[in-house]
Protein backbone atom coordinates (compact mmCIF):
# COMPACT_ATOMS: atom_id res chain seq x y z
CA UNK A 1 128.75 77.10 145.22
CA UNK A 2 130.67 79.29 142.81
CA UNK A 3 130.45 78.75 139.05
CA UNK A 4 133.57 77.22 137.56
CA UNK A 5 134.73 79.39 134.66
CA UNK A 6 136.33 77.89 131.59
CA UNK A 7 140.13 77.81 132.13
CA UNK A 8 142.22 79.88 129.77
CA UNK A 9 144.91 77.17 129.44
CA UNK A 10 144.91 73.47 128.70
CA UNK A 11 146.13 70.87 131.22
CA UNK A 12 149.58 70.93 129.63
CA UNK A 13 149.90 74.72 129.99
CA UNK A 14 149.20 75.65 126.37
CA UNK A 15 146.93 78.58 125.71
CA UNK A 16 143.31 77.74 124.99
CA UNK A 17 142.13 79.63 121.89
CA UNK A 18 139.10 81.82 122.33
CA UNK A 19 136.53 81.84 119.61
CA UNK A 20 135.16 85.29 118.79
CA UNK A 21 131.49 85.86 119.45
CA UNK A 22 129.36 85.89 116.33
CA UNK A 23 126.67 88.49 115.90
CA UNK A 24 123.63 88.49 113.66
CA UNK A 25 124.23 90.46 110.49
CA UNK A 26 122.28 91.09 107.31
CA UNK A 27 123.78 90.02 104.00
CA UNK A 28 124.16 93.00 101.64
CA UNK A 29 122.56 91.10 98.75
CA UNK A 30 119.61 89.85 100.83
CA UNK A 31 116.21 90.69 99.28
CA UNK A 32 114.88 91.60 102.72
CA UNK A 33 116.51 93.28 105.74
CA UNK A 34 114.42 91.32 108.25
CA UNK A 35 116.38 88.94 110.46
CA UNK A 36 115.32 85.32 110.26
CA UNK A 37 114.94 85.08 114.05
CA UNK A 38 112.43 87.93 113.99
CA UNK A 39 110.06 86.37 111.47
CA UNK A 40 108.47 84.10 114.07
CA UNK A 41 105.28 85.47 115.59
CA UNK A 42 101.93 84.42 117.00
CA UNK A 43 98.60 84.53 115.21
CA UNK A 44 96.41 87.20 116.77
CA UNK A 45 93.26 85.15 116.32
CA UNK A 46 94.30 81.62 117.32
CA UNK A 47 97.59 82.17 119.18
CA UNK A 48 99.56 79.53 117.25
CA UNK A 49 103.10 80.14 116.01
CA UNK A 50 103.57 81.42 112.46
CA UNK A 51 106.49 82.36 110.22
CA UNK A 52 106.20 85.63 108.33
CA UNK A 53 108.08 85.82 105.04
CA UNK A 54 108.36 88.42 102.34
CA UNK A 55 106.74 87.69 98.98
CA UNK A 56 106.99 89.07 95.48
CA UNK A 57 103.82 91.05 96.19
CA UNK A 58 103.33 94.08 98.43
CA UNK A 59 102.32 92.12 101.55
CA UNK A 60 104.11 89.33 103.48
CA UNK A 61 102.59 85.92 104.05
CA UNK A 62 102.16 83.91 107.26
CA UNK A 63 103.27 80.31 106.83
CA UNK A 64 102.79 77.24 108.99
CA UNK A 65 106.12 76.64 110.79
CA UNK A 66 106.40 72.98 109.77
CA UNK A 67 107.16 71.51 106.37
CA UNK A 68 104.65 69.10 104.89
CA UNK A 69 104.95 66.34 102.27
CA UNK A 70 104.17 67.86 98.90
CA UNK A 71 102.08 64.87 97.80
CA UNK A 72 99.64 65.48 100.68
CA UNK A 73 99.13 69.20 99.95
CA UNK A 74 97.07 70.33 96.95
CA UNK A 75 98.98 72.32 94.36
CA UNK A 76 96.89 75.43 95.03
CA UNK A 77 98.06 75.57 98.68
CA UNK A 78 101.79 74.91 98.21
CA UNK A 79 104.46 77.49 99.11
CA UNK A 80 108.23 77.26 98.92
CA UNK A 81 111.06 79.46 100.20
CA UNK A 82 114.02 80.77 98.24
CA UNK A 83 116.45 83.27 99.81
CA UNK A 84 113.95 84.06 102.60
CA UNK A 85 111.24 84.93 100.06
CA UNK A 86 108.03 82.88 99.83
CA UNK A 87 106.59 81.90 96.44
CA UNK A 88 103.05 80.52 95.97
CA UNK A 89 104.04 77.35 94.12
CA UNK A 90 106.02 74.18 94.55
CA UNK A 91 109.72 74.01 93.77
CA UNK A 92 109.75 70.35 92.73
CA UNK A 93 111.05 69.08 96.07
CA UNK A 94 109.15 66.47 98.11
CA UNK A 95 108.47 69.06 100.83
CA UNK A 96 106.51 72.31 100.83
CA UNK A 97 104.96 74.87 103.15
CA UNK A 98 101.36 75.96 103.61
CA UNK A 99 99.94 79.33 104.58
CA UNK A 100 98.61 79.69 108.11
CA UNK A 101 95.21 81.21 107.15
CA UNK A 102 94.47 77.97 105.27
CA UNK A 103 94.69 75.88 108.47
CA UNK A 104 93.90 78.59 111.03
CA UNK A 105 91.13 77.30 113.36
CA UNK A 106 89.84 80.84 113.93
CA UNK A 107 89.35 81.61 110.25
CA UNK A 108 85.91 82.68 109.10
CA UNK A 109 86.07 81.35 105.54
CA UNK A 110 87.69 77.93 105.88
CA UNK A 111 88.13 75.87 102.72
CA UNK A 112 87.55 72.14 102.52
CA UNK A 113 90.91 70.46 103.08
CA UNK A 114 92.18 66.88 102.73
CA UNK A 115 92.18 64.69 105.86
CA UNK A 116 95.88 65.31 106.55
CA UNK A 117 95.49 69.10 106.56
CA UNK A 118 92.20 68.88 108.45
CA UNK A 119 94.03 67.00 111.21
CA UNK A 120 96.54 69.86 111.44
CA UNK A 121 93.67 72.33 111.82
CA UNK A 122 92.14 70.25 114.63
CA UNK A 123 95.53 70.11 116.38
CA UNK A 124 95.86 73.90 116.17
CA UNK A 125 92.29 74.30 117.45
CA UNK A 126 93.13 72.12 120.46
CA UNK A 127 96.17 74.28 121.20
CA UNK A 128 94.03 77.43 120.89
CA UNK A 129 91.52 76.03 123.38
CA UNK A 130 94.37 75.25 125.78
CA UNK A 131 95.63 78.85 125.51
CA UNK A 132 92.14 80.22 126.18
CA UNK A 133 91.62 77.97 129.20
CA UNK A 134 94.93 79.07 130.73
CA UNK A 135 94.22 82.77 130.01
CA UNK A 136 97.24 83.02 127.70
CA UNK A 137 95.15 84.09 124.71
CA UNK A 138 92.88 87.10 124.73
CA UNK A 139 90.78 88.59 121.99
CA UNK A 140 92.42 91.43 120.05
CA UNK A 141 91.42 94.90 121.30
CA UNK A 142 88.50 96.47 119.52
CA UNK A 143 88.53 100.02 118.30
CA UNK A 144 86.61 102.52 120.45
CA UNK A 145 83.32 103.75 119.01
CA UNK A 146 83.42 107.12 117.26
CA UNK A 147 82.51 110.16 119.30
CA UNK A 148 79.08 111.71 119.04
CA UNK A 149 78.70 114.04 116.12
CA UNK A 150 81.65 112.66 114.15
CA UNK A 151 81.56 110.72 110.92
CA UNK A 152 83.34 107.34 111.03
CA UNK A 153 84.36 107.88 107.42
CA UNK A 154 86.40 110.92 108.53
CA UNK A 155 88.54 108.79 110.85
CA UNK A 156 90.44 106.52 108.44
CA UNK A 157 91.88 103.48 110.15
CA UNK A 158 94.03 102.81 107.09
CA UNK A 159 95.01 106.26 105.85
CA UNK A 160 96.46 107.05 102.47
CA UNK A 161 99.95 108.54 102.86
CA UNK A 162 101.88 110.25 100.09
CA UNK A 163 105.67 110.63 100.08
CA UNK A 164 108.42 110.38 97.47
CA UNK A 165 105.78 111.10 94.80
CA UNK A 166 104.03 107.80 95.57
CA UNK A 167 100.87 106.98 97.49
CA UNK A 168 100.71 104.17 99.98
CA UNK A 169 98.01 102.86 102.28
CA UNK A 170 99.03 102.19 105.88
CA UNK A 171 97.92 99.24 108.01
CA UNK A 172 97.27 101.39 111.10
CA UNK A 173 96.43 105.04 111.81
CA UNK A 174 99.24 107.53 111.31
CA UNK A 175 99.85 107.96 115.05
CA UNK A 176 100.17 104.17 115.53
CA UNK A 177 102.78 103.46 112.83
CA UNK A 178 105.63 101.85 114.78
CA UNK A 179 109.33 101.72 114.08
CA UNK A 180 110.56 98.39 112.71
CA UNK A 181 114.21 98.62 113.84
CA UNK A 182 115.88 96.38 116.40
CA UNK A 183 117.00 97.83 119.73
CA UNK A 184 120.08 96.89 121.74
CA UNK A 185 117.87 94.52 123.75
CA UNK A 186 117.02 92.71 120.49
CA UNK A 187 113.39 93.78 120.67
CA UNK A 188 111.35 95.90 118.32
CA UNK A 189 111.52 99.63 118.87
CA UNK A 190 108.31 101.02 120.40
CA UNK A 191 108.83 104.59 119.21
CA UNK A 192 106.31 105.72 116.58
CA UNK A 193 107.49 107.09 113.26
CA UNK A 194 105.62 110.30 114.04
CA UNK A 195 107.83 110.88 117.06
CA UNK A 196 108.24 113.97 119.19
CA UNK A 197 110.07 116.97 117.70
CA UNK A 198 109.42 115.80 114.13
CA UNK A 199 107.49 117.69 111.51
CA UNK A 200 104.10 116.10 110.92
CA UNK A 201 102.31 115.78 107.61
CA UNK A 202 99.27 117.62 106.34
CA UNK A 203 95.82 116.25 105.68
CA UNK A 204 94.84 117.38 102.19
CA UNK A 205 92.07 116.61 99.75
CA UNK A 206 93.59 115.28 96.54
CA UNK A 207 92.18 113.70 93.40
CA UNK A 208 91.72 109.97 93.60
CA UNK A 209 93.94 109.42 90.57
CA UNK A 210 96.83 111.73 89.63
CA UNK A 211 95.93 111.44 85.94
CA UNK A 212 92.73 112.09 84.10
CA UNK A 213 90.66 108.98 83.42
CA UNK A 214 90.97 107.83 79.85
CA UNK A 215 88.46 106.03 77.68
CA UNK A 216 89.89 102.62 78.66
CA UNK A 217 90.05 103.22 82.43
CA UNK A 218 87.31 102.32 84.88
CA UNK A 219 85.50 105.40 86.16
CA UNK A 220 85.32 105.89 89.93
CA UNK A 221 82.53 107.79 91.68
CA UNK A 222 84.77 109.64 94.16
CA UNK A 223 86.74 112.65 92.93
CA UNK A 224 88.76 113.72 96.01
CA UNK A 225 90.08 111.70 98.94
CA UNK A 226 91.85 112.59 102.21
CA UNK A 227 95.61 112.08 101.90
CA UNK A 228 98.24 112.50 104.61
CA UNK A 229 100.75 114.47 102.55
CA UNK A 230 104.46 114.35 103.42
CA UNK A 231 105.86 115.84 100.23
CA UNK A 232 106.67 119.15 101.95
CA UNK A 233 109.28 117.37 104.11
CA UNK A 234 112.91 116.91 103.15
CA UNK A 235 114.09 113.91 101.17
CA UNK A 236 115.73 112.36 104.24
CA UNK A 237 112.49 112.67 106.23
CA UNK A 238 110.44 111.09 103.47
CA UNK A 239 112.97 108.27 103.22
CA UNK A 240 112.66 107.77 106.98
CA UNK A 241 108.91 107.36 106.58
CA UNK A 242 109.43 104.95 103.68
CA UNK A 243 111.76 102.74 105.74
CA UNK A 244 109.39 103.15 108.72
CA UNK A 245 112.00 104.14 111.26
CA UNK A 246 112.06 106.55 114.18
CA UNK A 247 114.55 109.46 114.25
CA UNK A 248 116.91 107.46 116.48
CA UNK A 249 117.18 104.48 114.11
CA UNK A 250 116.91 106.48 110.88
CA UNK A 251 120.70 106.71 110.59
CA UNK A 252 121.52 103.43 112.36
CA UNK A 253 122.65 101.33 109.41
CA UNK A 254 123.79 98.42 111.59
CA UNK A 255 120.38 98.05 113.24
CA UNK A 256 118.40 95.48 111.21
CA UNK A 257 114.63 95.36 110.85
CA UNK A 258 112.57 93.15 113.14
CA UNK A 259 109.41 93.47 111.04
CA UNK A 260 108.37 94.28 107.53
CA UNK A 261 107.11 97.73 106.70
CA UNK A 262 103.34 98.20 106.67
CA UNK A 263 103.22 100.20 103.44
CA UNK A 264 101.09 98.86 100.62
CA UNK A 265 101.00 100.59 97.23
CA UNK A 266 97.71 102.42 96.91
CA UNK A 267 95.37 101.09 94.23
CA UNK A 268 92.28 103.28 93.58
CA UNK A 269 90.22 100.29 92.44
CA UNK A 270 91.36 97.88 95.16
CA UNK A 271 91.37 100.28 98.14
CA UNK A 272 88.44 102.45 97.09
CA UNK A 273 86.30 101.29 100.05
CA UNK A 274 89.02 102.28 102.58
CA UNK A 275 89.44 105.87 101.46
CA UNK A 276 87.95 108.87 103.28
CA UNK A 277 86.15 111.51 101.26
CA UNK A 278 86.56 114.28 103.83
CA UNK A 279 89.33 115.52 106.09
CA UNK A 280 89.52 114.02 109.62
CA UNK A 281 87.20 115.85 111.98
CA UNK A 282 89.51 115.52 114.96
CA UNK A 283 92.96 114.43 113.76
CA UNK A 284 95.14 112.81 116.37
CA UNK A 285 97.47 115.08 118.38
CA UNK A 286 101.14 115.16 117.68
CA UNK A 287 102.85 112.67 120.05
């Protein structure tokens, strides 16, 4: 059997109008460049579906995909959406959202929830068990042990990167920072930001704080930390690192983002335990 295509004319001979195909675009005044269809993901620990939304803070939040009655959710756990941005409060409507870590069955520190939210957690735990039994959920890969004779503190898993006169802390090692742009297949680009034929950064020991500690600032024991410095690169290259794009998608304005950038503003007091006090013993090779 051959498929029957849609005729170009009506039964009376008049021309059938063709509707133009609509493509996904990003509104110029949108607070985030991430497409709404790309904010759906799976929790790495339990395998349930989550919705990632940008917040007013430096990191996004993972929300439960379903709306819940606001009178059944405590005020401390309510979230609402406005222009694709999540806010940790209620907006006065009878419906609200809840963060996924609150009801995640694989969470280590689970708070005591009301019976309605506890039933949602049990339902998610049942779905996680079903994924494990059918081999659809595997444990996240563990990092290999450090080589003999190397200091684990010299291999930062969340390095401090400096560009555009600002320090950020990355979520993954420098070699594993992935491009966030969308490809023509509508999938996330797999090319790393530190791609081939690009100028890499330099590991340098820098002071923990760019300014001298004053009498009202909290003193820190560490003086110098290992920083992946990119300030010697051109402005366009540093902007490419800030937008977390590969050289191919650095100039592709029409290609939207399929994920949020992993950069988090570096705070010496908050991220002091993640900093390395010496240069990497064996820094990763240039890809």
